[in-house]
PDB file of N, CA and C in Angstrom:
ATOM      1  N   MET A   1     122.328  82.771  76.323  1.00  0.00           N
ATOM      2  CA  MET A   1     123.420  83.583  76.499  1.00  0.00           C
ATOM      3  C   MET A   1     122.621  84.900  76.641  1.00  0.00           C
ATOM      4  N   ASN A   2     121.725  85.002  76.248  1.00  0.00           N
ATOM      5  CA  ASN A   2     120.413  86.348  76.522  1.00  0.00           C
ATOM      6  C   ASN A   2     119.216  85.322  77.281  1.00  0.00           C
ATOM      7  N   SER A   3     119.019  84.446  77.797  1.00  0.00           N
ATOM      8  CA  SER A   3     118.154  84.600  78.861  1.00  0.00           C
ATOM      9  C   SER A   3     119.071  84.870  80.712  1.00  0.00           C
ATOM     10  N   ILE A   4     120.342  84.232  80.403  1.00  0.00           N
ATOM     11  CA  ILE A   4     121.783  84.680  81.322  1.00  0.00           C
ATOM     12  C   ILE A   4     121.387  86.188  81.724  1.00  0.00           C
ATOM     13  N   ILE A   5     121.370  86.687  80.818  1.00  0.00           N
ATOM     14  CA  ILE A   5     121.793  88.224  80.744  1.00  0.00           C
ATOM     15  C   ILE A   5     120.191  88.974  81.425  1.00  0.00           C
ATOM     16  N   GLN A   6     119.528  88.583  80.535  1.00  0.00           N
ATOM     17  CA  GLN A   6     118.225  88.879  81.478  1.00  0.00           C
ATOM     18  C   GLN A   6     117.745  88.082  82.422  1.00  0.00           C
ATOM     19  N   PHE A   7     118.338  87.027  83.207  1.00  0.00           N
ATOM     20  CA  PHE A   7     117.953  86.491  84.641  1.00  0.00           C
ATOM     21  C   PHE A   7     118.665  87.744  85.372  1.00  0.00           C
ATOM     22  N   ILE A   8     120.007  87.679  85.370  1.00  0.00           N
ATOM     23  CA  ILE A   8     121.109  89.198  86.222  1.00  0.00           C
ATOM     24  C   ILE A   8     120.453  89.885  86.375  1.00  0.00           C
ATOM     25  N   ARG A   9     120.238  90.600  84.878  1.00  0.00           N
ATOM     26  CA  ARG A   9     119.024  91.526  85.962  1.00  0.00           C
ATOM     27  C   ARG A   9     117.628  91.929  86.554  1.00  0.00           C
ATOM     28  N   SER A  10     117.398  90.721  86.099  1.00  0.00           N
ATOM     29  CA  SER A  10     116.047  90.532  86.621  1.00  0.00           C
ATOM     30  C   SER A  10     116.827  90.601  88.336  1.00  0.00           C
ATOM     31  N   LEU A  11     117.529  90.155  89.096  1.00  0.00           N
ATOM     32  CA  LEU A  11     118.205  89.833  90.154  1.00  0.00           C
ATOM     33  C   LEU A  11     118.539  90.998  91.074  1.00  0.00           C
ATOM     34  N   ILE A  12     119.340  91.915  89.626  1.00  0.00           N
ATOM     35  CA  ILE A  12     119.531  93.244  89.895  1.00  0.00           C
ATOM     36  C   ILE A  12     118.242  94.286  90.201  1.00  0.00           C
ATOM     37  N   LEU A  13     117.469  94.050  89.460  1.00  0.00           N
ATOM     38  CA  LEU A  13     116.320  95.042  89.628  1.00  0.00           C
ATOM     39  C   LEU A  13     115.743  94.132  90.489  1.00  0.00           C
ATOM     40  N   ALA A  14     115.628  92.781  91.278  1.00  0.00           N
ATOM     41  CA  ALA A  14     114.789  92.560  92.714  1.00  0.00           C
ATOM     42  C   ALA A  14     115.967  93.494  93.700  1.00  0.00           C
ATOM     43  N   ALA A  15     117.025  93.512  94.137  1.00  0.00           N
ATOM     44  CA  ALA A  15     117.970  93.963  94.687  1.00  0.00           C
ATOM     45  C   ALA A  15     117.707  95.076  95.298  1.00  0.00           C
ATOM     46  N   ILE A  16     118.102  96.217  94.184  1.00  0.00           N
ATOM     47  CA  ILE A  16     117.354  97.482  94.264  1.00  0.00           C
ATOM     48  C   ILE A  16     115.356  97.817  95.067  1.00  0.00           C
ATOM     49  N   ILE A  17     114.647  96.876  94.236  1.00  0.00           N
ATOM     50  CA  ILE A  17     114.021  97.249  94.958  1.00  0.00           C
ATOM     51  C   ILE A  17     113.542  96.514  96.432  1.00  0.00           C
ATOM     52  N   LEU A  18     114.192  95.519  96.061  1.00  0.00           N
ATOM     53  CA  LEU A  18     113.882  95.243  97.350  1.00  0.00           C
ATOM     54  C   LEU A  18     114.455  95.951  98.977  1.00  0.00           C
ATOM     55  N   GLY A  19     115.688  96.750  98.625  1.00  0.00           N
ATOM     56  CA  GLY A  19     116.856  98.134  98.891  1.00  0.00           C
ATOM     57  C   GLY A  19     115.887  99.297  99.419  1.00  0.00           C
ATOM     58  N   ALA A  20     115.206  99.820  98.053  1.00  0.00           N
ATOM     59  CA  ALA A  20     114.487 100.790  97.955  1.00  0.00           C
ATOM     60  C   ALA A  20     113.157 100.604  99.006  1.00  0.00           C
ATOM     61  N   THR A  21     112.630  99.374  99.024  1.00  0.00           N
ATOM     62  CA  THR A  21     111.350  99.422  99.822  1.00  0.00           C
ATOM     63  C   THR A  21     112.047  99.050 101.473  1.00  0.00           C
ATOM     64  N   GLY A  22     113.094  98.433 101.501  1.00  0.00           N
ATOM     65  CA  GLY A  22     113.638  98.234 103.210  1.00  0.00           C
ATOM     66  C   GLY A  22     114.326  99.694 103.959  1.00  0.00           C
ATOM     67  N   THR A  23     114.762 100.477 102.491  1.00  0.00           N
ATOM     68  CA  THR A  23     115.013 101.730 103.207  1.00  0.00           C
ATOM     69  C   THR A  23     113.286 102.446 103.513  1.00  0.00           C
ATOM     70  N   LEU A  24     112.252 102.931 102.688  1.00  0.00           N
ATOM     71  CA  LEU A  24     111.235 103.158 102.649  1.00  0.00           C
ATOM     72  C   LEU A  24     110.403 102.966 104.001  1.00  0.00           C
ATOM     73  N   VAL A  25     110.812 101.288 104.588  1.00  0.00           N
ATOM     74  CA  VAL A  25     109.644 100.945 105.596  1.00  0.00           C
ATOM     75  C   VAL A  25     110.458 101.691 106.955  1.00  0.00           C
ATOM     76  N   GLU A  26     112.111 101.500 106.598  1.00  0.00           N
ATOM     77  CA  GLU A  26     113.326 102.360 108.072  1.00  0.00           C
ATOM     78  C   GLU A  26     112.522 103.914 107.849  1.00  0.00           C
ATOM     79  N   ALA A  27     112.618 104.301 107.452  1.00  0.00           N
ATOM     80  CA  ALA A  27     112.227 105.290 107.368  1.00  0.00           C
ATOM     81  C   ALA A  27     111.012 106.112 107.711  1.00  0.00           C
ATOM     82  N   THR A  28     109.887 105.198 107.253  1.00  0.00           N
ATOM     83  CA  THR A  28     108.648 105.676 107.939  1.00  0.00           C
ATOM     84  C   THR A  28     108.599 105.239 109.653  1.00  0.00           C
ATOM     85  N   GLY A  29     109.607 104.385 110.168  1.00  0.00           N
ATOM     86  CA  GLY A  29     109.593 103.444 111.280  1.00  0.00           C
ATOM     87  C   GLY A  29     110.323 104.657 112.418  1.00  0.00           C
ATOM     88  N   ILE A  30     111.027 105.298 111.619  1.00  0.00           N
ATOM     89  CA  ILE A  30     112.005 106.727 112.457  1.00  0.00           C
ATOM     90  C   ILE A  30     111.213 107.785 112.588  1.00  0.00           C
ATOM     91  N   VAL A  31     110.156 108.260 111.367  1.00  0.00           N
ATOM     92  CA  VAL A  31     109.382 108.807 111.432  1.00  0.00           C
ATOM     93  C   VAL A  31     108.115 108.899 112.376  1.00  0.00           C
ATOM     94  N   GLY A  32     107.720 107.659 112.123  1.00  0.00           N
ATOM     95  CA  GLY A  32     106.219 106.839 113.295  1.00  0.00           C
ATOM     96  C   GLY A  32     107.141 107.102 114.675  1.00  0.00           C
ATOM     97  N   LYS A  33     108.742 107.106 115.297  1.00  0.00           N
ATOM     98  CA  LYS A  33     108.858 107.436 116.421  1.00  0.00           C
ATOM     99  C   LYS A  33     108.940 108.961 116.759  1.00  0.00           C
ATOM    100  N   GLU A  34     109.310 109.521 115.697  1.00  0.00           N
ATOM    101  CA  GLU A  34     109.940 111.382 116.055  1.00  0.00           C
ATOM    102  C   GLU A  34     108.867 111.832 116.696  1.00  0.00           C
ATOM    103  N   ALA A  35     107.272 111.362 115.612  1.00  0.00           N
ATOM    104  CA  ALA A  35     105.883 111.411 115.633  1.00  0.00           C
ATOM    105  C   ALA A  35     105.575 111.449 117.231  1.00  0.00           C
ATOM    106  N   ALA A  36     105.713 110.283 117.414  1.00  0.00           N
ATOM    107  CA  ALA A  36     105.259 109.982 118.890  1.00  0.00           C
ATOM    108  C   ALA A  36     105.837 110.116 120.173  1.00  0.00           C
ATOM    109  N   LYS A  37     107.218 111.152 119.837  1.00  0.00           N
ATOM    110  CA  LYS A  37     107.588 111.534 121.087  1.00  0.00           C
ATOM    111  C   LYS A  37     106.979 112.785 120.767  1.00  0.00           C
ATOM    112  N   ALA A  38     106.752 113.536 119.607  1.00  0.00           N
ATOM    113  CA  ALA A  38     107.043 114.431 119.566  1.00  0.00           C
ATOM    114  C   ALA A  38     104.853 114.958 120.290  1.00  0.00           C
ATOM    115  N   HIS A  39     104.491 114.173 120.419  1.00  0.00           N
ATOM    116  CA  HIS A  39     102.595 113.784 120.520  1.00  0.00           C
ATOM    117  C   HIS A  39     102.956 114.085 122.238  1.00  0.00           C
ATOM    118  N   GLN A  40     104.188 113.359 122.656  1.00  0.00           N
ATOM    119  CA  GLN A  40     104.530 113.102 124.294  1.00  0.00           C
ATOM    120  C   GLN A  40     105.104 114.479 124.779  1.00  0.00           C
ATOM    121  N   ARG A  41     105.437 115.226 123.917  1.00  0.00           N
ATOM    122  CA  ARG A  41     106.088 116.237 124.155  1.00  0.00           C
ATOM    123  C   ARG A  41     104.254 117.430 123.824  1.00  0.00           C
ATOM    124  N   GLY A  42     103.647 117.154 123.915  1.00  0.00           N
ATOM    125  CA  GLY A  42     103.038 118.072 123.663  1.00  0.00           C
ATOM    126  C   GLY A  42     102.476 118.602 122.281  1.00  0.00           C
ATOM    127  N   GLY A  43     102.943 117.916 121.323  1.00  0.00           N
ATOM    128  CA  GLY A  43     102.795 118.176 119.690  1.00  0.00           C
ATOM    129  C   GLY A  43     103.862 119.110 119.252  1.00  0.00           C
ATOM    130  N   ILE A  44     103.680 119.877 117.985  1.00  0.00           N
ATOM    131  CA  ILE A  44     104.382 121.241 117.253  1.00  0.00           C
ATOM    132  C   ILE A  44     103.531 121.795 117.014  1.00  0.00           C
ATOM    133  N   SER A  45     104.105 123.079 117.145  1.00  0.00           N
ATOM    134  CA  SER A  45     103.233 123.829 116.455  1.00  0.00           C
ATOM    135  C   SER A  45     103.179 124.734 115.032  1.00  0.00           C
ATOM    136  N   PHE A  46     102.578 124.206 113.838  1.00  0.00           N
ATOM    137  CA  PHE A  46     102.231 124.642 112.657  1.00  0.00           C
ATOM    138  C   PHE A  46     102.883 125.961 112.256  1.00  0.00           C
ATOM    139  N   ARG A  47     102.609 126.777 113.019  1.00  0.00           N
ATOM    140  CA  ARG A  47     103.552 128.385 113.251  1.00  0.00           C
ATOM    141  C   ARG A  47     105.214 127.867 112.637  1.00  0.00           C
ATOM    142  N   TRP A  48     106.201 127.207 114.509  1.00  0.00           N
ATOM    143  CA  TRP A  48     107.319 126.494 113.929  1.00  0.00           C
ATOM    144  C   TRP A  48     107.449 125.682 112.928  1.00  0.00           C
ATOM    145  N   LEU A  49     106.389 124.889 112.369  1.00  0.00           N
ATOM    146  CA  LEU A  49     106.767 124.062 111.135  1.00  0.00           C
ATOM    147  C   LEU A  49     106.997 124.495 109.871  1.00  0.00           C
ATOM    148  N   ASN A  50     105.694 125.935 109.413  1.00  0.00           N
ATOM    149  CA  ASN A  50     105.666 126.186 108.576  1.00  0.00           C
ATOM    150  C   ASN A  50     106.955 127.160 108.264  1.00  0.00           C
ATOM    151  N   ARG A  51     107.162 127.355 109.511  1.00  0.00           N
ATOM    152  CA  ARG A  51     108.705 128.584 109.293  1.00  0.00           C
ATOM    153  C   ARG A  51     110.017 127.920 108.689  1.00  0.00           C
ATOM    154  N   GLN A  52     110.348 126.280 109.327  1.00  0.00           N
ATOM    155  CA  GLN A  52     110.738 125.198 108.819  1.00  0.00           C
ATOM    156  C   GLN A  52     110.518 125.027 107.614  1.00  0.00           C
ATOM    157  N   LEU A  53     109.632 125.089 107.205  1.00  0.00           N
ATOM    158  CA  LEU A  53     109.448 124.875 105.803  1.00  0.00           C
ATOM    159  C   LEU A  53     109.671 125.506 104.081  1.00  0.00           C
ATOM    160  N   VAL A  54     109.202 126.743 104.910  1.00  0.00           N
ATOM    161  CA  VAL A  54     109.312 127.968 104.227  1.00  0.00           C
ATOM    162  C   VAL A  54     110.847 128.387 103.920  1.00  0.00           C
ATOM    163  N   GLY A  55     111.116 128.390 105.268  1.00  0.00           N
ATOM    164  CA  GLY A  55     112.840 128.687 106.248  1.00  0.00           C
ATOM    165  C   GLY A  55     113.008 131.098 106.047  1.00  0.00           C
ATOM    166  N   LYS A  56     111.077 130.939 106.452  1.00  0.00           N
ATOM    167  CA  LYS A  56     111.480 132.488 107.236  1.00  0.00           C
ATOM    168  C   LYS A  56     111.277 132.501 108.470  1.00  0.00           C
TER     169      LYS A  56
END
């Protein structure tokens, strides 16, 4: 009985890891596309970026 529970736990853990990995890959792709668009428009101002991050 313990081995069945451990097997189910390992399946759930594997599913969570695969889901997280897929999400990270998708997010990386989205960020890459947005970076390419920003580069084509001439880049971004670091002054503007700092204001967005700091909130001033």
